[in-house]
Amino acid sequence: GNIEPFLSPMVGTFYRAPSPEAPPYVKGGDFVEPTSVLCMIEAMKVFNEIQCETTGQIVETLVENGEAVEYGQPLFQLRRTV
């Protein structure tokens, strides 16, 4: 399958999980669908759940929890399954 980056739709702070105690939304090897939440990005005190919008498999996470991300920055490597 084609491996492609999943790009950040916005500028903000990247969070892998909904809370510090919770497991990550996704990890390498997970299969995802369009409604799957991949991560959360906090911008201006608003927490935005970022959905995959495609079907595939997570290959790897490219950014660390709590890292500042830019618009268009690759967040995950995703292998498309369709």
Protein backbone atom coordinates (compact mmCIF):
# COMPACT_ATOMS: atom_id res chain seq x y z
CA GLY A 1 0.00 0.00 0.00
CA ASN A 2 0.95 3.61 -0.39
CA ILE A 3 2.54 5.17 2.66
CA GLU A 4 1.83 8.86 2.95
CA PRO A 5 2.08 11.46 5.69
CA PHE A 6 -0.96 12.67 7.57
CA LEU A 7 -0.52 16.42 7.75
CA SER A 8 -1.59 18.68 10.57
CA PRO A 9 -4.72 20.64 9.61
CA MET A 10 -3.80 23.45 12.00
CA VAL A 11 -1.20 25.13 14.18
CA GLY A 12 -1.20 24.15 17.83
CA THR A 13 0.03 21.71 20.46
CA PHE A 14 -0.10 18.01 19.59
CA TYR A 15 -1.49 15.49 22.08
CA ARG A 16 -1.46 11.76 21.45
CA ALA A 17 -4.13 11.01 24.07
CA PRO A 18 -7.29 12.65 25.43
CA SER A 19 -5.69 13.03 28.87
CA PRO A 20 -2.29 12.33 30.47
CA GLU A 21 -3.51 9.06 32.03
CA ALA A 22 -5.29 7.80 28.93
CA PRO A 23 -3.76 5.55 26.27
CA PRO A 24 -2.89 7.18 22.92
CA TYR A 25 -5.69 7.53 20.40
CA VAL A 26 -3.63 5.49 17.92
CA LYS A 27 -0.27 3.74 17.77
CA GLY A 28 1.79 2.06 15.06
CA GLY A 29 -0.05 -0.90 13.55
CA ASP A 30 -3.54 0.40 14.34
CA PHE A 31 -6.11 0.35 11.57
CA VAL A 32 -8.06 3.57 11.19
CA GLU A 33 -11.12 4.76 9.32
CA PRO A 34 -12.35 8.21 8.30
CA THR A 35 -14.00 8.91 11.67
CA SER A 36 -11.06 7.63 13.75
CA VAL A 37 -9.57 10.29 16.01
CA LEU A 38 -5.79 10.31 15.53
CA CYS A 39 -4.82 12.98 18.02
CA MET A 40 -5.85 16.21 19.64
CA ILE A 41 -4.46 19.62 18.76
CA GLU A 42 -4.89 22.43 21.26
CA ALA A 43 -5.03 25.94 19.84
CA MET A 44 -6.02 29.03 21.82
CA LYS A 45 -7.30 26.85 24.69
CA VAL A 46 -9.59 24.90 22.33
CA PHE A 47 -8.96 21.16 22.09
CA ASN A 48 -9.65 19.87 18.59
CA GLU A 49 -10.00 16.14 17.94
CA ILE A 50 -8.34 15.45 14.58
CA GLN A 51 -10.03 12.77 12.48
CA CYS A 52 -8.25 10.61 9.95
CA GLU A 53 -10.68 11.21 7.05
CA THR A 54 -9.32 8.15 5.22
CA THR A 55 -8.99 4.41 5.69
CA GLY A 56 -5.60 2.94 6.45
CA GLN A 57 -3.06 1.74 8.96
CA ILE A 58 -0.85 3.85 11.20
CA VAL A 59 2.82 3.15 10.41
CA GLU A 60 4.35 5.53 12.93
CA THR A 61 3.80 8.70 14.92
CA LEU A 62 6.19 11.44 13.85
CA VAL A 63 5.78 13.98 16.64
CA GLU A 64 6.10 13.83 20.41
CA ASN A 65 3.28 14.39 22.86
CA GLY A 66 3.04 18.07 23.81
CA GLU A 67 5.05 19.20 20.79
CA ALA A 68 4.10 22.39 18.96
CA VAL A 69 3.09 21.62 15.37
CA GLU A 70 2.72 23.76 12.29
CA TYR A 71 -0.02 23.70 9.67
CA GLY A 72 0.90 21.06 7.07
CA GLN A 73 3.48 19.34 9.30
CA PRO A 74 3.51 15.52 9.00
CA LEU A 75 2.06 14.00 12.19
CA PHE A 76 1.79 10.33 11.23
CA GLN A 77 2.88 7.97 8.50
CA LEU A 78 -0.24 6.26 7.17
CA ARG A 79 -0.54 3.28 4.84
CA ARG A 80 -3.70 3.65 2.80
CA THR A 81 -5.78 0.50 2.50
CA VAL A 82 -8.15 1.71 -0.22
